[in-house]
N, C-alpha and C. Protein backbone atom coordinates (compact mmCIF):
# COMPACT_ATOMS: atom_id res chain seq x y z
N UNK A 1 29.26 -74.10 16.62
CA UNK A 1 28.76 -75.36 15.59
C UNK A 1 28.12 -76.18 16.79
N UNK A 2 26.96 -76.67 15.22
CA UNK A 2 26.03 -77.47 15.23
C UNK A 2 26.22 -78.45 14.77
N UNK A 3 25.24 -79.88 15.50
CA UNK A 3 25.10 -81.01 14.50
C UNK A 3 24.09 -81.17 14.23
N UNK A 4 24.41 -82.14 13.05
CA UNK A 4 23.16 -82.45 12.02
C UNK A 4 23.12 -84.30 12.28
N UNK A 5 22.43 -84.92 12.47
CA UNK A 5 22.19 -85.48 12.57
C UNK A 5 20.96 -86.53 11.27
N UNK A 6 22.00 -87.67 10.78
CA UNK A 6 21.39 -88.17 9.28
C UNK A 6 20.73 -89.79 9.55
N UNK A 7 19.44 -89.81 9.23
CA UNK A 7 19.37 -90.71 9.92
C UNK A 7 18.40 -91.75 8.06
N UNK A 8 18.09 -93.06 7.73
CA UNK A 8 18.02 -93.60 6.81
C UNK A 8 17.01 -94.62 7.22
N UNK A 9 16.19 -95.05 6.33
CA UNK A 9 15.71 -96.41 7.19
C UNK A 9 15.98 -97.21 5.81
N UNK A 10 15.54 -98.36 5.74
CA UNK A 10 15.97 -99.83 5.00
C UNK A 10 14.92 -100.48 4.96
N UNK A 11 13.98 -100.97 4.14
CA UNK A 11 13.19 -102.28 4.45
C UNK A 11 13.81 -103.61 4.49
N UNK A 12 13.86 -104.38 4.85
CA UNK A 12 14.74 -105.60 5.08
C UNK A 12 14.25 -107.09 4.01
N UNK A 13 13.60 -107.83 3.64
CA UNK A 13 13.08 -108.66 3.23
C UNK A 13 14.16 -110.04 3.58
N UNK A 14 13.50 -111.36 3.97
CA UNK A 14 14.11 -111.93 4.27
C UNK A 14 15.38 -112.88 3.46
N UNK A 15 14.09 -113.02 1.66
CA UNK A 15 14.72 -113.52 0.55
C UNK A 15 13.82 -112.85 -0.85
N UNK A 16 14.49 -112.93 -1.77
CA UNK A 16 13.79 -112.67 -2.93
C UNK A 16 11.84 -113.03 -3.36
N UNK A 17 12.12 -114.41 -1.97
CA UNK A 17 10.31 -114.60 -1.63
C UNK A 17 9.41 -114.11 -1.62
N UNK A 18 9.91 -113.32 -0.72
CA UNK A 18 9.17 -112.29 0.37
C UNK A 18 8.32 -111.17 -0.41
N UNK A 19 9.68 -110.77 -0.96
CA UNK A 19 8.89 -109.50 -2.16
C UNK A 19 7.86 -109.26 -2.65
N UNK A 20 7.19 -108.16 -3.11
CA UNK A 20 6.19 -108.57 -4.08
C UNK A 20 6.19 -109.40 -5.49
N UNK A 21 4.92 -109.39 -6.18
CA UNK A 21 5.27 -110.49 -6.70
C UNK A 21 5.56 -109.85 -8.07
N UNK A 22 5.60 -108.48 -8.05
CA UNK A 22 6.00 -107.52 -9.18
C UNK A 22 7.34 -107.19 -9.45
N UNK A 23 7.84 -107.48 -8.36
CA UNK A 23 9.40 -107.02 -7.73
C UNK A 23 10.03 -108.07 -7.59
N UNK A 24 9.71 -109.28 -7.51
CA UNK A 24 10.25 -110.62 -7.45
C UNK A 24 10.74 -110.69 -8.89
N UNK A 25 9.57 -110.37 -10.02
CA UNK A 25 10.18 -110.94 -11.26
C UNK A 25 10.81 -109.84 -12.00
N UNK A 26 10.94 -108.95 -11.11
CA UNK A 26 11.93 -107.46 -12.05
C UNK A 26 13.86 -108.15 -10.98
N UNK A 27 13.95 -108.37 -10.12
CA UNK A 27 14.35 -109.02 -9.09
C UNK A 27 15.05 -110.18 -10.48
N UNK A 28 14.50 -110.89 -11.07
CA UNK A 28 14.39 -112.06 -11.49
C UNK A 28 15.24 -112.02 -13.13
N UNK A 29 14.40 -110.66 -14.11
CA UNK A 29 15.68 -110.25 -14.46
C UNK A 29 17.04 -109.80 -14.58
N UNK A 30 17.15 -109.67 -13.24
CA UNK A 30 18.10 -108.78 -12.52
C UNK A 30 19.42 -110.24 -13.11
N UNK A 31 18.61 -110.86 -11.96
CA UNK A 31 19.78 -112.50 -12.34
C UNK A 31 20.10 -112.72 -13.55
N UNK A 32 19.21 -112.81 -14.24
CA UNK A 32 19.38 -113.24 -15.59
C UNK A 32 20.26 -111.82 -16.33
N UNK A 33 20.45 -110.59 -15.96
CA UNK A 33 21.04 -109.99 -16.51
C UNK A 33 22.53 -109.78 -16.31
N UNK A 34 22.96 -110.00 -14.54
CA UNK A 34 23.60 -110.53 -13.77
C UNK A 34 24.86 -111.53 -14.41
N UNK A 35 24.05 -112.92 -14.96
CA UNK A 35 24.66 -113.70 -15.20
C UNK A 35 25.50 -113.72 -16.94
N UNK A 36 24.87 -112.59 -17.73
CA UNK A 36 25.39 -111.83 -19.06
C UNK A 36 26.67 -110.32 -18.76
N UNK A 37 26.73 -110.42 -17.24
CA UNK A 37 28.28 -109.72 -16.97
C UNK A 37 29.30 -109.47 -18.21
N UNK A 38 29.69 -108.40 -18.41
CA UNK A 38 31.54 -109.02 -19.34
C UNK A 38 31.83 -108.27 -17.30
N UNK A 39 33.17 -109.13 -17.01
CA UNK A 39 33.70 -108.30 -15.88
C UNK A 39 34.88 -109.20 -15.99
N UNK A 40 35.87 -110.03 -17.07
CA UNK A 40 37.10 -110.42 -16.02
C UNK A 40 38.08 -109.94 -16.11
N UNK A 41 38.07 -109.00 -15.33
CA UNK A 41 38.68 -108.15 -14.57
C UNK A 41 38.71 -108.47 -13.03
N UNK A 42 37.59 -107.49 -12.25
CA UNK A 42 36.74 -108.02 -11.27
C UNK A 42 36.51 -109.88 -10.69
N UNK A 43 35.86 -110.15 -11.85
CA UNK A 43 35.27 -111.31 -11.46
C UNK A 43 34.37 -110.54 -10.25
N UNK A 44 33.41 -109.89 -10.50
CA UNK A 44 32.23 -108.94 -10.14
C UNK A 44 31.27 -109.45 -10.79
N UNK A 45 30.19 -109.57 -11.06
CA UNK A 45 28.97 -110.02 -11.50
C UNK A 45 27.75 -109.29 -10.94
N UNK A 46 26.99 -107.50 -12.27
CA UNK A 46 26.03 -107.47 -11.55
C UNK A 46 25.38 -107.53 -12.62
N UNK A 47 23.88 -106.93 -12.10
CA UNK A 47 22.77 -107.11 -12.67
C UNK A 47 21.95 -106.30 -11.99
N UNK A 48 20.95 -105.71 -12.91
CA UNK A 48 19.97 -104.10 -12.38
C UNK A 48 18.77 -104.39 -13.91
N UNK A 49 18.10 -104.15 -12.74
CA UNK A 49 16.19 -104.31 -14.23
C UNK A 49 15.15 -103.13 -13.51
N UNK A 50 15.75 -101.76 -14.31
CA UNK A 50 14.33 -101.15 -13.93
C UNK A 50 13.20 -101.49 -14.55
N UNK A 51 11.87 -101.30 -13.69
CA UNK A 51 10.78 -101.55 -14.08
C UNK A 51 10.26 -99.60 -14.43
N UNK A 52 9.81 -99.54 -16.13
CA UNK A 52 9.56 -98.18 -16.32
C UNK A 52 7.60 -98.32 -15.58
N UNK A 53 7.17 -97.18 -16.05
CA UNK A 53 5.53 -97.00 -16.34
C UNK A 53 5.00 -97.21 -17.17
N UNK A 54 5.58 -97.06 -18.51
CA UNK A 54 4.92 -98.07 -19.50
C UNK A 54 5.05 -99.61 -19.69
N UNK A 55 5.36 -100.14 -18.60
CA UNK A 55 5.30 -101.67 -18.05
C UNK A 55 6.52 -102.24 -19.00
N UNK A 56 7.39 -101.37 -19.19
CA UNK A 56 8.73 -101.79 -19.57
C UNK A 56 9.73 -101.93 -18.94
N UNK A 57 10.32 -103.10 -19.11
CA UNK A 57 11.33 -103.86 -18.31
C UNK A 57 12.46 -103.49 -19.22
N UNK A 58 13.97 -102.74 -18.41
CA UNK A 58 14.82 -102.60 -19.33
C UNK A 58 15.73 -103.04 -18.16
N UNK A 59 16.87 -103.31 -18.34
CA UNK A 59 17.47 -104.48 -17.56
C UNK A 59 19.41 -104.40 -18.18
N UNK A 60 20.56 -104.49 -17.04
CA UNK A 60 22.03 -103.73 -17.62
C UNK A 60 22.53 -104.81 -16.76
N UNK A 61 24.04 -104.93 -17.01
CA UNK A 61 24.98 -105.24 -16.20
C UNK A 61 26.08 -104.56 -16.64
N UNK A 62 27.19 -104.99 -15.59
CA UNK A 62 29.02 -103.78 -15.85
C UNK A 62 29.20 -104.28 -16.70
N UNK A 63 30.41 -104.15 -17.30
CA UNK A 63 30.34 -103.87 -18.79
C UNK A 63 32.12 -103.77 -18.41
N UNK A 64 33.32 -104.49 -18.34
CA UNK A 64 34.21 -104.10 -17.95
C UNK A 64 35.37 -103.71 -18.94
N UNK A 65 36.36 -103.11 -18.46
CA UNK A 65 37.65 -103.06 -19.84
C UNK A 65 38.76 -103.04 -19.15
N UNK A 66 40.20 -103.10 -19.89
CA UNK A 66 41.50 -102.98 -19.85
C UNK A 66 41.20 -101.68 -19.04
N UNK A 67 41.17 -100.88 -19.02
CA UNK A 67 40.88 -99.81 -19.16
C UNK A 67 40.16 -98.96 -18.26
N UNK A 68 40.47 -99.33 -17.08
CA UNK A 68 39.24 -99.23 -16.03
C UNK A 68 38.44 -98.09 -15.76
N UNK A 69 38.72 -96.88 -16.24
CA UNK A 69 37.74 -95.51 -16.20
C UNK A 69 37.10 -96.30 -16.89
N UNK A 70 36.63 -96.94 -17.74
CA UNK A 70 36.32 -96.86 -19.34
C UNK A 70 34.67 -98.52 -19.41
N UNK A 71 35.09 -99.00 -18.58
CA UNK A 71 34.09 -99.24 -18.68
C UNK A 71 32.50 -98.54 -17.68
N UNK A 72 31.21 -99.96 -17.50
CA UNK A 72 30.18 -99.20 -16.93
C UNK A 72 29.32 -100.68 -15.86
N UNK A 73 28.94 -99.51 -14.85
CA UNK A 73 28.33 -100.61 -13.81
C UNK A 73 27.15 -100.82 -13.81
N UNK A 74 26.07 -101.96 -13.92
CA UNK A 74 24.76 -102.74 -14.26
C UNK A 74 23.69 -101.50 -13.67
N UNK A 75 23.86 -100.54 -13.16
CA UNK A 75 23.06 -99.49 -12.56
C UNK A 75 23.32 -98.72 -13.72
N UNK A 76 23.87 -97.82 -13.80
CA UNK A 76 24.74 -96.82 -15.67
C UNK A 76 24.20 -97.42 -16.77
N UNK A 77 24.15 -99.28 -16.89
CA UNK A 77 24.00 -99.21 -18.14
C UNK A 77 22.46 -99.46 -18.42
N UNK A 78 21.98 -100.08 -17.33
CA UNK A 78 20.12 -100.07 -17.09
C UNK A 78 19.95 -98.69 -17.37
N UNK A 79 19.88 -97.60 -16.51
CA UNK A 79 19.42 -96.36 -16.77
C UNK A 79 19.92 -95.09 -17.55
N UNK A 80 20.58 -95.63 -18.06
CA UNK A 80 21.41 -94.89 -19.20
C UNK A 80 20.55 -94.97 -20.38
N UNK A 81 20.12 -96.50 -20.65
CA UNK A 81 19.55 -97.31 -22.19
C UNK A 81 17.94 -97.05 -21.98
N UNK A 82 17.68 -97.28 -20.42
CA UNK A 82 15.80 -96.65 -20.70
C UNK A 82 15.46 -95.41 -20.60
N UNK A 83 16.09 -94.43 -20.38
CA UNK A 83 16.40 -92.34 -20.49
C UNK A 83 16.26 -92.71 -22.59
N UNK A 84 17.54 -93.36 -22.88
CA UNK A 84 17.62 -93.09 -24.29
C UNK A 84 16.76 -93.19 -24.81
N UNK A 85 15.85 -95.19 -24.08
CA UNK A 85 15.32 -95.87 -25.26
C UNK A 85 13.91 -95.42 -25.46
N UNK A 86 13.37 -94.51 -23.99
CA UNK A 86 11.60 -94.62 -23.24
C UNK A 86 12.35 -92.50 -22.68
N UNK A 87 12.61 -91.67 -23.19
CA UNK A 87 12.77 -90.67 -22.29
C UNK A 87 11.87 -90.13 -21.66
N UNK A 88 11.10 -90.28 -22.16
CA UNK A 88 9.40 -89.62 -21.54
C UNK A 88 8.70 -90.74 -19.71
N UNK A 89 9.38 -92.22 -20.06
CA UNK A 89 8.69 -92.50 -18.92
C UNK A 89 9.28 -92.60 -17.76
N UNK A 90 8.54 -93.09 -16.73
CA UNK A 90 9.36 -93.14 -15.39
C UNK A 90 10.00 -93.98 -14.95
N UNK A 91 10.81 -93.58 -13.92
CA UNK A 91 11.03 -95.46 -13.37
C UNK A 91 10.80 -95.46 -11.99
N UNK A 92 10.17 -96.53 -11.91
CA UNK A 92 9.15 -97.16 -11.37
C UNK A 92 10.25 -97.79 -10.06
N UNK A 93 10.90 -99.06 -10.40
CA UNK A 93 11.49 -99.46 -9.25
C UNK A 93 12.25 -100.37 -9.61
N UNK A 94 13.40 -100.11 -8.85
CA UNK A 94 14.94 -101.00 -10.24
C UNK A 94 15.16 -102.08 -8.89
N UNK A 95 15.97 -103.06 -9.53
CA UNK A 95 16.42 -104.00 -8.99
C UNK A 95 17.72 -104.40 -8.91
N UNK A 96 18.44 -104.54 -8.36
CA UNK A 96 20.58 -104.72 -8.24
C UNK A 96 20.87 -105.97 -7.53
N UNK A 97 21.30 -106.89 -7.85
CA UNK A 97 22.18 -108.30 -7.56
C UNK A 97 23.25 -108.58 -8.34
N UNK A 98 23.97 -108.72 -7.05
CA UNK A 98 25.66 -108.52 -7.49
C UNK A 98 26.49 -110.27 -6.87
N UNK A 99 27.16 -110.69 -7.85
CA UNK A 99 28.23 -111.93 -7.17
C UNK A 99 29.06 -111.78 -7.35
N UNK A 100 29.49 -112.49 -6.31
CA UNK A 100 31.33 -112.82 -6.79
C UNK A 100 31.99 -113.60 -7.52
N UNK A 101 33.11 -113.96 -8.09
CA UNK A 101 33.27 -115.25 -8.82
C UNK A 101 34.08 -116.52 -8.13
N UNK A 102 34.50 -116.08 -6.70
CA UNK A 102 34.98 -117.10 -5.98
C UNK A 102 34.60 -117.09 -4.77
N UNK A 103 33.17 -116.43 -4.63
CA UNK A 103 32.45 -116.77 -2.64
C UNK A 103 31.47 -116.04 -3.47
N UNK A 104 30.33 -116.81 -2.17
CA UNK A 104 28.93 -116.73 -2.03
C UNK A 104 28.49 -115.48 -1.64
N UNK A 105 27.82 -114.23 -2.47
CA UNK A 105 27.74 -112.86 -1.52
C UNK A 105 26.12 -112.90 -1.21
N UNK A 106 26.70 -112.83 0.04
CA UNK A 106 24.62 -113.29 0.72
C UNK A 106 24.54 -111.73 1.84
N UNK A 107 25.08 -110.85 1.31
CA UNK A 107 24.81 -109.59 2.45
C UNK A 107 24.66 -108.72 0.28
N UNK A 108 23.48 -108.16 1.46
CA UNK A 108 23.12 -106.70 0.06
C UNK A 108 23.72 -106.27 -0.10
N UNK A 109 24.31 -105.67 -1.57
CA UNK A 109 25.08 -105.11 -2.08
C UNK A 109 24.64 -103.62 -2.97
N UNK A 110 24.92 -102.51 -1.91
CA UNK A 110 24.23 -101.22 -2.98
C UNK A 110 24.89 -100.59 -4.15
N UNK A 111 24.18 -99.80 -4.58
CA UNK A 111 24.69 -99.46 -6.07
C UNK A 111 25.91 -98.37 -5.21
N UNK A 112 27.03 -98.05 -6.33
CA UNK A 112 28.29 -97.54 -5.81
C UNK A 112 27.79 -96.24 -5.80
N UNK A 113 29.00 -95.18 -5.73
CA UNK A 113 28.63 -93.34 -5.79
C UNK A 113 28.65 -93.36 -6.83
N UNK A 114 29.22 -93.31 -8.06
CA UNK A 114 28.94 -93.03 -9.42
C UNK A 114 27.87 -93.30 -9.79
N UNK A 115 26.84 -94.37 -9.73
CA UNK A 115 25.79 -95.30 -10.06
C UNK A 115 24.73 -93.92 -8.68
N UNK A 116 24.72 -93.54 -7.76
CA UNK A 116 24.33 -93.19 -6.69
C UNK A 116 23.68 -91.94 -7.50
N UNK A 117 24.50 -91.63 -7.72
CA UNK A 117 24.89 -89.84 -8.25
C UNK A 117 23.64 -90.47 -9.51
N UNK A 118 24.20 -91.32 -10.82
CA UNK A 118 23.56 -90.94 -11.45
C UNK A 118 21.98 -91.20 -11.41
N UNK A 119 21.60 -92.64 -10.27
CA UNK A 119 19.90 -93.01 -10.18
C UNK A 119 19.24 -91.50 -9.71
N UNK A 120 19.85 -90.55 -8.66
CA UNK A 120 19.63 -89.32 -8.18
C UNK A 120 18.61 -88.46 -9.21
N UNK A 121 20.16 -88.73 -10.49
CA UNK A 121 20.35 -87.59 -10.90
C UNK A 121 18.42 -87.32 -11.68
N UNK A 122 18.11 -89.00 -12.19
CA UNK A 122 16.24 -89.84 -12.40
C UNK A 122 15.82 -89.42 -11.87
N UNK A 123 15.72 -89.47 -10.45
CA UNK A 123 15.19 -88.80 -10.06
C UNK A 123 14.37 -87.43 -9.67
N UNK A 124 16.04 -86.24 -9.84
CA UNK A 124 14.86 -85.11 -9.94
C UNK A 124 14.68 -85.21 -11.33
N UNK A 125 14.94 -85.68 -11.88
CA UNK A 125 14.69 -85.89 -13.96
C UNK A 125 12.87 -85.78 -13.45
N UNK A 126 12.37 -86.66 -13.13
CA UNK A 126 11.29 -87.30 -12.89
C UNK A 126 10.70 -86.90 -12.12
N UNK A 127 11.07 -86.24 -10.80
CA UNK A 127 10.60 -85.39 -9.77
C UNK A 127 9.73 -86.58 -9.35
N UNK A 128 10.14 -87.72 -9.02
CA UNK A 128 9.44 -88.72 -8.14
C UNK A 128 10.82 -90.03 -6.96
N UNK A 129 10.62 -90.74 -6.79
CA UNK A 129 11.83 -91.34 -6.06
C UNK A 129 11.95 -93.07 -6.71
N UNK A 130 13.25 -93.75 -6.74
CA UNK A 130 12.74 -94.52 -7.15
C UNK A 130 13.18 -95.88 -6.55
N UNK A 131 12.83 -96.40 -5.87
CA UNK A 131 12.90 -97.83 -5.03
C UNK A 131 13.46 -98.26 -5.32
N UNK A 132 14.82 -99.13 -4.75
CA UNK A 132 16.02 -100.02 -5.28
C UNK A 132 15.47 -100.77 -3.62
N UNK A 133 16.32 -102.18 -4.79
CA UNK A 133 16.17 -103.04 -4.22
C UNK A 133 17.42 -103.88 -4.32
N UNK A 134 17.66 -104.19 -3.35
CA UNK A 134 19.27 -104.54 -3.72
C UNK A 134 20.05 -105.89 -2.81
N UNK A 135 20.70 -106.71 -3.66
CA UNK A 135 20.95 -108.06 -2.69
C UNK A 135 22.44 -108.46 -3.27
N UNK A 136 23.16 -109.69 -2.29
CA UNK A 136 23.71 -110.03 -2.89
C UNK A 136 23.71 -111.10 -4.07
N UNK A 137 24.26 -111.79 -4.23
CA UNK A 137 23.79 -113.34 -4.48
C UNK A 137 22.76 -114.08 -4.32
N UNK A 138 22.03 -114.14 -3.01
CA UNK A 138 21.14 -114.87 -3.14
C UNK A 138 20.89 -114.43 -1.31
N UNK A 139 20.24 -114.59 -0.49
CA UNK A 139 19.67 -114.15 1.09
C UNK A 139 19.16 -112.82 1.22
N UNK A 140 19.10 -112.18 1.58
CA UNK A 140 18.40 -110.91 2.47
C UNK A 140 18.53 -110.25 1.23
N UNK A 141 17.25 -109.51 1.01
CA UNK A 141 16.91 -108.50 -0.42
C UNK A 141 16.51 -106.74 0.38
N UNK A 142 17.48 -105.78 0.10
CA UNK A 142 17.45 -104.40 1.46
C UNK A 142 15.97 -103.32 0.17
N UNK A 143 15.72 -102.43 0.57
CA UNK A 143 14.76 -101.65 0.23
C UNK A 143 14.99 -100.89 0.87
N UNK A 144 15.93 -99.48 -0.11
CA UNK A 144 15.72 -98.15 -0.30
C UNK A 144 14.22 -97.25 -1.08
N UNK A 145 13.64 -96.64 -0.32
CA UNK A 145 12.38 -96.04 -0.61
C UNK A 145 12.96 -94.67 -1.68
N UNK A 146 14.08 -94.27 -1.99
CA UNK A 146 14.45 -93.50 -2.31
C UNK A 146 16.11 -94.01 -2.82
N UNK A 147 16.77 -93.30 -3.31
CA UNK A 147 18.23 -92.71 -3.28
C UNK A 147 18.41 -91.98 -2.80
N UNK A 148 17.75 -90.69 -2.66
CA UNK A 148 18.06 -89.70 -1.15
C UNK A 148 18.03 -90.25 -0.41
N UNK A 149 17.85 -91.01 0.21
CA UNK A 149 17.66 -92.00 1.73
C UNK A 149 19.02 -93.09 1.81
N UNK A 150 20.32 -93.53 0.52
CA UNK A 150 21.31 -94.03 0.25
C UNK A 150 22.09 -92.69 0.47
N UNK A 151 22.29 -91.47 -0.45
CA UNK A 151 22.82 -90.39 -1.10
C UNK A 151 22.57 -89.10 -0.36
N UNK A 152 22.20 -88.64 1.12
CA UNK A 152 21.82 -87.32 1.65
C UNK A 152 22.95 -86.14 0.94
N UNK A 153 21.81 -85.24 1.41
CA UNK A 153 22.63 -84.23 0.44
C UNK A 153 23.28 -84.06 -0.95
N UNK A 154 21.92 -84.49 -1.93
CA UNK A 154 22.65 -84.88 -3.13
C UNK A 154 23.07 -83.81 -3.93
N UNK A 155 23.95 -84.02 -4.48
CA UNK A 155 24.77 -82.66 -5.64
C UNK A 155 23.61 -82.53 -6.82
N UNK A 156 22.96 -81.78 -6.99
CA UNK A 156 22.03 -81.34 -7.91
C UNK A 156 22.52 -80.42 -8.74
N UNK A 157 22.10 -79.46 -10.05
CA UNK A 157 22.03 -78.96 -10.64
C UNK A 157 21.82 -77.35 -10.03
N UNK A 158 21.05 -77.28 -8.97
CA UNK A 158 20.65 -76.18 -8.24
C UNK A 158 22.26 -75.50 -8.09
N UNK A 159 23.43 -76.28 -7.58
CA UNK A 159 24.31 -75.73 -7.30
C UNK A 159 25.24 -75.32 -8.63
N UNK A 160 24.87 -75.42 -9.85
CA UNK A 160 25.70 -75.16 -10.77
C UNK A 160 25.61 -73.90 -11.43
């Protein structure tokens, strides 16, 4: 038997104010998207914003449904819309923010597993990483240089 050690490195910014200006503006777009989320069941509101290499910014938020599997997370809403509208544009960065109705979220909240897999697909498609910046309602912001940093051993089309 052999053991494999996996390490991930993340950058931690004290707040949105410590982010580069472009990313701070992207996070502001994610804040705006978060406030438009449709989350009557979980009361957990998520916003995501994607910066594309053509200068466009696409946002998305979580959209829930009483038939729970029928809803969609903010990250996938944004990434699928970006790919549908600008299929040849590269995704340069993604900002994600989440808040709960009943409490203040100050811990950075990363994408769920389904969103990680979806983001991974687009990193593979565009042959370049998508830096992810994620946070709660306020407080620290974490940055991962690539989705693969958050989801080692990616499931890719190579396995099919």
